[in-house]
C-alpha atoms as a PDB file:
ATOM      1  CA  UNK A   1       0.114  -0.189  -0.241  1.00  0.00           C
ATOM      2  CA  UNK A   2       2.851   2.252   0.960  1.00  0.00           C
ATOM      3  CA  UNK A   3       4.283   1.903  -2.374  1.00  0.00           C
ATOM      4  CA  UNK A   4       0.824   2.435  -4.453  1.00  0.00           C
ATOM      5  CA  UNK A   5       0.954   5.984  -2.209  1.00  0.00           C
ATOM      6  CA  UNK A   6       3.688   7.013  -3.140  1.00  0.00           C
ATOM      7  CA  UNK A   7       3.231   6.257  -7.035  1.00  0.00           C
ATOM      8  CA  UNK A   8      -0.527   8.307  -6.576  1.00  0.00           C
ATOM      9  CA  UNK A   9       1.774  11.144  -4.981  1.00  0.00           C
ATOM     10  CA  UNK A  10       4.477  10.995  -7.571  1.00  0.00           C
ATOM     11  CA  UNK A  11       2.200  11.073 -10.849  1.00  0.00           C
ATOM     12  CA  UNK A  12      -0.329  13.907  -9.985  1.00  0.00           C
ATOM     13  CA  UNK A  13       3.235  15.684  -8.376  1.00  0.00           C
ATOM     14  CA  UNK A  14       4.512  15.268 -12.385  1.00  0.00           C
ATOM     15  CA  UNK A  15       0.441  15.965 -13.687  1.00  0.00           C
ATOM     16  CA  UNK A  16       0.727  19.012 -11.503  1.00  0.00           C
ATOM     17  CA  UNK A  17      -1.759  18.913  -9.836  1.00  0.00           C
ATOM     18  CA  UNK A  18       0.170  19.047  -6.647  1.00  0.00           C
ATOM     19  CA  UNK A  19       1.638  21.823  -4.678  1.00  0.00           C
ATOM     20  CA  UNK A  20       3.191  22.207  -1.465  1.00  0.00           C
ATOM     21  CA  UNK A  21       3.501  19.163   1.078  1.00  0.00           C
ATOM     22  CA  UNK A  22       1.092  16.488   2.295  1.00  0.00           C
ATOM     23  CA  UNK A  23       0.534  17.289   5.537  1.00  0.00           C
ATOM     24  CA  UNK A  24      -1.098  14.096   8.120  1.00  0.00           C
ATOM     25  CA  UNK A  25      -4.806  14.232   9.093  1.00  0.00           C
ATOM     26  CA  UNK A  26      -4.391  11.313  11.327  1.00  0.00           C
ATOM     27  CA  UNK A  27      -1.552   7.990  12.711  1.00  0.00           C
ATOM     28  CA  UNK A  28      -3.213   5.088  14.299  1.00  0.00           C
ATOM     29  CA  UNK A  29      -1.652   2.077  14.353  1.00  0.00           C
ATOM     30  CA  UNK A  30      -4.482   0.349  11.412  1.00  0.00           C
ATOM     31  CA  UNK A  31      -4.924   3.121   9.469  1.00  0.00           C
ATOM     32  CA  UNK A  32      -2.916   6.975   8.385  1.00  0.00           C
ATOM     33  CA  UNK A  33      -4.583   9.245   5.853  1.00  0.00           C
ATOM     34  CA  UNK A  34      -2.370  12.426   4.017  1.00  0.00           C
ATOM     35  CA  UNK A  35      -4.109  15.267   2.731  1.00  0.00           C
ATOM     36  CA  UNK A  36      -2.105  17.433   0.139  1.00  0.00           C
ATOM     37  CA  UNK A  37      -3.720  20.670  -2.190  1.00  0.00           C
ATOM     38  CA  UNK A  38      -3.595  20.818  -5.845  1.00  0.00           C
ATOM     39  CA  UNK A  39      -2.829  23.872  -7.285  1.00  0.00           C
ATOM     40  CA  UNK A  40      -6.443  25.236  -7.710  1.00  0.00           C
ATOM     41  CA  UNK A  41      -7.190  24.336  -4.757  1.00  0.00           C
ATOM     42  CA  UNK A  42      -8.584  20.658  -4.802  1.00  0.00           C
ATOM     43  CA  UNK A  43      -7.676  18.110  -2.007  1.00  0.00           C
ATOM     44  CA  UNK A  44      -6.278  14.970  -2.268  1.00  0.00           C
ATOM     45  CA  UNK A  45      -6.573  12.585   0.306  1.00  0.00           C
ATOM     46  CA  UNK A  46      -4.356   8.962   0.572  1.00  0.00           C
ATOM     47  CA  UNK A  47      -5.718   6.641   2.779  1.00  0.00           C
ATOM     48  CA  UNK A  48      -3.384   3.478   4.137  1.00  0.00           C
ATOM     49  CA  UNK A  49      -5.551   0.878   6.148  1.00  0.00           C
ATOM     50  CA  UNK A  50      -4.352  -2.697   7.749  1.00  0.00           C
ATOM     51  CA  UNK A  51      -6.359  -5.636   6.225  1.00  0.00           C
ATOM     52  CA  UNK A  52      -9.930  -6.601   8.351  1.00  0.00           C
ATOM     53  CA  UNK A  53     -11.508  -9.463   9.295  1.00  0.00           C
ATOM     54  CA  UNK A  54     -14.990 -10.501   9.972  1.00  0.00           C
ATOM     55  CA  UNK A  55     -16.405 -13.377  12.249  1.00  0.00           C
ATOM     56  CA  UNK A  56     -20.184 -14.678  12.562  1.00  0.00           C
ATOM     57  CA  UNK A  57     -20.231 -16.260  15.851  1.00  0.00           C
ATOM     58  CA  UNK A  58     -23.662 -18.467  15.813  1.00  0.00           C
ATOM     59  CA  UNK A  59     -25.010 -21.767  17.576  1.00  0.00           C
ATOM     60  CA  UNK A  60     -27.411 -24.131  15.995  1.00  0.00           C
ATOM     61  CA  UNK A  61     -30.437 -25.098  18.589  1.00  0.00           C
ATOM     62  CA  UNK A  62     -33.283 -27.634  17.563  1.00  0.00           C
ATOM     63  CA  UNK A  63     -33.398 -27.398  13.862  1.00  0.00           C
ATOM     64  CA  UNK A  64     -32.753 -23.170  13.279  1.00  0.00           C
ATOM     65  CA  UNK A  65     -29.552 -21.451  12.831  1.00  0.00           C
ATOM     66  CA  UNK A  66     -29.085 -18.180  15.327  1.00  0.00           C
ATOM     67  CA  UNK A  67     -26.251 -15.369  15.228  1.00  0.00           C
ATOM     68  CA  UNK A  68     -24.580 -13.642  17.274  1.00  0.00           C
ATOM     69  CA  UNK A  69     -24.481  -9.696  16.141  1.00  0.00           C
ATOM     70  CA  UNK A  70     -23.354  -6.488  17.937  1.00  0.00           C
ATOM     71  CA  UNK A  71     -25.455  -3.317  18.546  1.00  0.00           C
ATOM     72  CA  UNK A  72     -22.545  -0.140  18.470  1.00  0.00           C
ATOM     73  CA  UNK A  73     -23.025   2.951  18.736  1.00  0.00           C
ATOM     74  CA  UNK A  74     -21.154   4.719  15.316  1.00  0.00           C
ATOM     75  CA  UNK A  75     -19.872   8.107  15.526  1.00  0.00           C
ATOM     76  CA  UNK A  76     -19.402   8.327  12.162  1.00  0.00           C
ATOM     77  CA  UNK A  77     -23.419   7.577  11.413  1.00  0.00           C
ATOM     78  CA  UNK A  78     -24.465  10.309  13.297  1.00  0.00           C
ATOM     79  CA  UNK A  79     -24.453   8.464  16.632  1.00  0.00           C
ATOM     80  CA  UNK A  80     -27.573   5.685  15.297  1.00  0.00           C
ATOM     81  CA  UNK A  81     -26.924   2.134  16.132  1.00  0.00           C
ATOM     82  CA  UNK A  82     -25.548  -0.142  13.498  1.00  0.00           C
ATOM     83  CA  UNK A  83     -26.031  -4.449  13.932  1.00  0.00           C
ATOM     84  CA  UNK A  84     -22.603  -6.065  12.464  1.00  0.00           C
ATOM     85  CA  UNK A  85     -20.406  -8.691  12.676  1.00  0.00           C
ATOM     86  CA  UNK A  86     -17.808  -8.931  15.132  1.00  0.00           C
ATOM     87  CA  UNK A  87     -14.493  -7.765  13.155  1.00  0.00           C
ATOM     88  CA  UNK A  88     -11.637  -5.468  13.497  1.00  0.00           C
ATOM     89  CA  UNK A  89      -7.896  -4.824  11.882  1.00  0.00           C
ATOM     90  CA  UNK A  90      -5.234  -7.164  11.726  1.00  0.00           C
ATOM     91  CA  UNK A  91      -2.697  -5.945  13.431  1.00  0.00           C
ATOM     92  CA  UNK A  92       1.245  -5.730  12.238  1.00  0.00           C
ATOM     93  CA  UNK A  93       2.117  -8.799  13.271  1.00  0.00           C
ATOM     94  CA  UNK A  94      -1.447 -10.745  13.392  1.00  0.00           C
ATOM     95  CA  UNK A  95      -2.203 -14.045  11.608  1.00  0.00           C
ATOM     96  CA  UNK A  96      -6.489 -13.003  10.503  1.00  0.00           C
ATOM     97  CA  UNK A  97      -6.984 -16.316  12.718  1.00  0.00           C
ATOM     98  CA  UNK A  98      -5.248 -14.686  15.711  1.00  0.00           C
ATOM     99  CA  UNK A  99      -7.272 -11.585  14.718  1.00  0.00           C
ATOM    100  CA  UNK A 100     -10.518 -12.916  15.222  1.00  0.00           C
ATOM    101  CA  UNK A 101      -9.729 -14.486  18.560  1.00  0.00           C
ATOM    102  CA  UNK A 102      -8.391 -11.409  19.783  1.00  0.00           C
ATOM    103  CA  UNK A 103     -11.967  -9.660  18.504  1.00  0.00           C
ATOM    104  CA  UNK A 104     -14.006 -12.155  19.991  1.00  0.00           C
ATOM    105  CA  UNK A 105     -12.272 -11.847  23.113  1.00  0.00           C
ATOM    106  CA  UNK A 106     -12.315  -7.979  22.964  1.00  0.00           C
ATOM    107  CA  UNK A 107     -16.047  -7.520  21.980  1.00  0.00           C
ATOM    108  CA  UNK A 108     -17.789 -10.748  23.338  1.00  0.00           C
ATOM    109  CA  UNK A 109     -16.127 -11.698  25.737  1.00  0.00           C
ATOM    110  CA  UNK A 110     -14.717 -14.615  25.178  1.00  0.00           C
ATOM    111  CA  UNK A 111     -12.175 -17.033  24.740  1.00  0.00           C
ATOM    112  CA  UNK A 112     -11.928 -19.746  21.600  1.00  0.00           C
ATOM    113  CA  UNK A 113      -9.210 -22.152  20.401  1.00  0.00           C
ATOM    114  CA  UNK A 114      -7.738 -20.783  16.530  1.00  0.00           C
ATOM    115  CA  UNK A 115      -8.615 -24.271  15.130  1.00  0.00           C
ATOM    116  CA  UNK A 116     -12.464 -24.032  15.714  1.00  0.00           C
ATOM    117  CA  UNK A 117     -12.509 -21.078  13.390  1.00  0.00           C
ATOM    118  CA  UNK A 118     -13.835 -21.785  10.198  1.00  0.00           C
ATOM    119  CA  UNK A 119     -12.759 -19.933   7.024  1.00  0.00           C
ATOM    120  CA  UNK A 120     -15.288 -18.306   4.816  1.00  0.00           C
ATOM    121  CA  UNK A 121     -12.810 -16.617   2.484  1.00  0.00           C
ATOM    122  CA  UNK A 122     -12.151 -13.064   1.230  1.00  0.00           C
ATOM    123  CA  UNK A 123     -14.030  -9.789   0.109  1.00  0.00           C
ATOM    124  CA  UNK A 124     -13.584  -6.733  -0.662  1.00  0.00           C
ATOM    125  CA  UNK A 125     -14.574  -4.019   1.634  1.00  0.00           C
ATOM    126  CA  UNK A 126     -15.323  -0.498   1.197  1.00  0.00           C
ATOM    127  CA  UNK A 127     -15.113   2.520   3.967  1.00  0.00           C
ATOM    128  CA  UNK A 128     -13.102   4.718   2.733  1.00  0.00           C
ATOM    129  CA  UNK A 129     -10.973   2.449   0.632  1.00  0.00           C
ATOM    130  CA  UNK A 130     -10.599  -0.815  -0.938  1.00  0.00           C
ATOM    131  CA  UNK A 131      -9.623  -2.914   1.990  1.00  0.00           C
ATOM    132  CA  UNK A 132      -9.385  -7.131   2.403  1.00  0.00           C
ATOM    133  CA  UNK A 133     -11.487  -8.835   4.890  1.00  0.00           C
ATOM    134  CA  UNK A 134     -11.501 -12.035   5.665  1.00  0.00           C
ATOM    135  CA  UNK A 135     -14.380 -13.486   6.215  1.00  0.00           C
ATOM    136  CA  UNK A 136     -15.077 -16.309   9.518  1.00  0.00           C
ATOM    137  CA  UNK A 137     -17.471 -18.303  11.054  1.00  0.00           C
ATOM    138  CA  UNK A 138     -17.391 -19.844  14.610  1.00  0.00           C
ATOM    139  CA  UNK A 139     -19.940 -22.124  15.865  1.00  0.00           C
ATOM    140  CA  UNK A 140     -20.335 -20.926  19.821  1.00  0.00           C
ATOM    141  CA  UNK A 141     -20.851 -23.204  22.924  1.00  0.00           C
ATOM    142  CA  UNK A 142     -23.578 -23.392  25.815  1.00  0.00           C
ATOM    143  CA  UNK A 143     -21.195 -21.542  28.049  1.00  0.00           C
ATOM    144  CA  UNK A 144     -20.018 -19.165  25.422  1.00  0.00           C
ATOM    145  CA  UNK A 145     -23.403 -18.609  24.105  1.00  0.00           C
ATOM    146  CA  UNK A 146     -24.219 -17.791  28.097  1.00  0.00           C
ATOM    147  CA  UNK A 147     -21.239 -15.841  28.510  1.00  0.00           C
ATOM    148  CA  UNK A 148     -22.617 -13.747  25.282  1.00  0.00           C
ATOM    149  CA  UNK A 149     -25.589 -12.634  26.993  1.00  0.00           C
ATOM    150  CA  UNK A 150     -24.338 -11.458  29.828  1.00  0.00           C
ATOM    151  CA  UNK A 151     -21.283  -9.386  28.335  1.00  0.00           C
ATOM    152  CA  UNK A 152     -21.905  -5.625  27.765  1.00  0.00           C
ATOM    153  CA  UNK A 153     -20.271  -2.676  27.238  1.00  0.00           C
ATOM    154  CA  UNK A 154     -20.924   0.768  27.165  1.00  0.00           C
ATOM    155  CA  UNK A 155     -20.427   0.945  23.463  1.00  0.00           C
ATOM    156  CA  UNK A 156     -21.022  -2.400  22.327  1.00  0.00           C
ATOM    157  CA  UNK A 157     -24.608  -4.458  22.794  1.00  0.00           C
ATOM    158  CA  UNK A 158     -24.874  -8.043  21.710  1.00  0.00           C
ATOM    159  CA  UNK A 159     -27.842  -9.171  19.977  1.00  0.00           C
ATOM    160  CA  UNK A 160     -29.016 -13.269  19.326  1.00  0.00           C
ATOM    161  CA  UNK A 161     -30.760 -13.230  16.100  1.00  0.00           C
ATOM    162  CA  UNK A 162     -32.296 -16.403  13.951  1.00  0.00           C
ATOM    163  CA  UNK A 163     -30.294 -16.611  10.523  1.00  0.00           C
ATOM    164  CA  UNK A 164     -33.716 -15.865   8.981  1.00  0.00           C
ATOM    165  CA  UNK A 165     -33.827 -12.725  10.619  1.00  0.00           C
ATOM    166  CA  UNK A 166     -30.322 -11.684   9.703  1.00  0.00           C
ATOM    167  CA  UNK A 167     -31.243 -12.942   6.454  1.00  0.00           C
ATOM    168  CA  UNK A 168     -33.982  -9.934   6.549  1.00  0.00           C
ATOM    169  CA  UNK A 169     -31.879  -7.115   7.975  1.00  0.00           C
ATOM    170  CA  UNK A 170     -29.210  -8.001   4.629  1.00  0.00           C
ATOM    171  CA  UNK A 171     -31.743  -7.736   2.711  1.00  0.00           C
ATOM    172  CA  UNK A 172     -33.700  -4.751   3.983  1.00  0.00           C
ATOM    173  CA  UNK A 173     -30.476  -2.671   4.093  1.00  0.00           C
ATOM    174  CA  UNK A 174     -30.598  -2.819   8.027  1.00  0.00           C
ATOM    175  CA  UNK A 175     -27.471  -4.065   9.117  1.00  0.00           C
ATOM    176  CA  UNK A 176     -24.066  -2.067   9.537  1.00  0.00           C
ATOM    177  CA  UNK A 177     -22.315  -2.773   5.845  1.00  0.00           C
ATOM    178  CA  UNK A 178     -21.428  -5.398   3.343  1.00  0.00           C
ATOM    179  CA  UNK A 179     -18.769  -6.877   5.802  1.00  0.00           C
ATOM    180  CA  UNK A 180     -21.897  -8.057   7.764  1.00  0.00           C
ATOM    181  CA  UNK A 181     -23.962  -8.766   5.086  1.00  0.00           C
ATOM    182  CA  UNK A 182     -22.011 -11.364   3.097  1.00  0.00           C
ATOM    183  CA  UNK A 183     -21.059 -13.029   6.156  1.00  0.00           C
ATOM    184  CA  UNK A 184     -24.689 -14.023   6.809  1.00  0.00           C
ATOM    185  CA  UNK A 185     -25.120 -14.367   2.865  1.00  0.00           C
ATOM    186  CA  UNK A 186     -22.481 -16.494   2.370  1.00  0.00           C
ATOM    187  CA  UNK A 187     -23.668 -18.730   5.886  1.00  0.00           C
ATOM    188  CA  UNK A 188     -27.101 -18.807   4.961  1.00  0.00           C
ATOM    189  CA  UNK A 189     -26.234 -20.087   1.284  1.00  0.00           C
ATOM    190  CA  UNK A 190     -24.251 -22.813   3.291  1.00  0.00           C
ATOM    191  CA  UNK A 191     -27.085 -24.333   5.106  1.00  0.00           C
ATOM    192  CA  UNK A 192     -30.595 -23.193   2.853  1.00  0.00           C
ATOM    193  CA  UNK A 193     -28.719 -23.017   0.155  1.00  0.00           C
ATOM    194  CA  UNK A 194     -31.234 -19.797  -1.108  1.00  0.00           C
END
């Protein structure tokens, strides 16, 4: 990604679109952004971000599947609540599976063994920029479900919904984003064949 940013900056400078120096907008462990100004006053922004993971925790009760979503207040969306899968950025020295384990513990309060995590492939996520998103799922046991229902904090509340309800939410665009909808569609397809 760093090479892409350098090439983009060089290209814009070469064609006379960039004047002055780059200024850093923000820099975190997972995402950085720079801005520079064109000679006509237009602003250009480049964002470098880490790849991400999402994991769909689920369980089966009798003949029905249930998924665990988190309800989060999102400041970038006018403090509205959104329903999402568990996920986040992959740390610099983490594998995608290690990131899943960390996110399940941080966001749901459960510690899981990495060999239980099932990969469902990758997708492209679009927020500010294109980022690769690794998709996973994990079947929960009774003790984990109990911990999840007891685990809430100031910013996250857990919601358990049937897989069919989750699919309806995805179809009506009432979930956080595609990184939540795609794992739900995939899981539904695997179990019920749309």
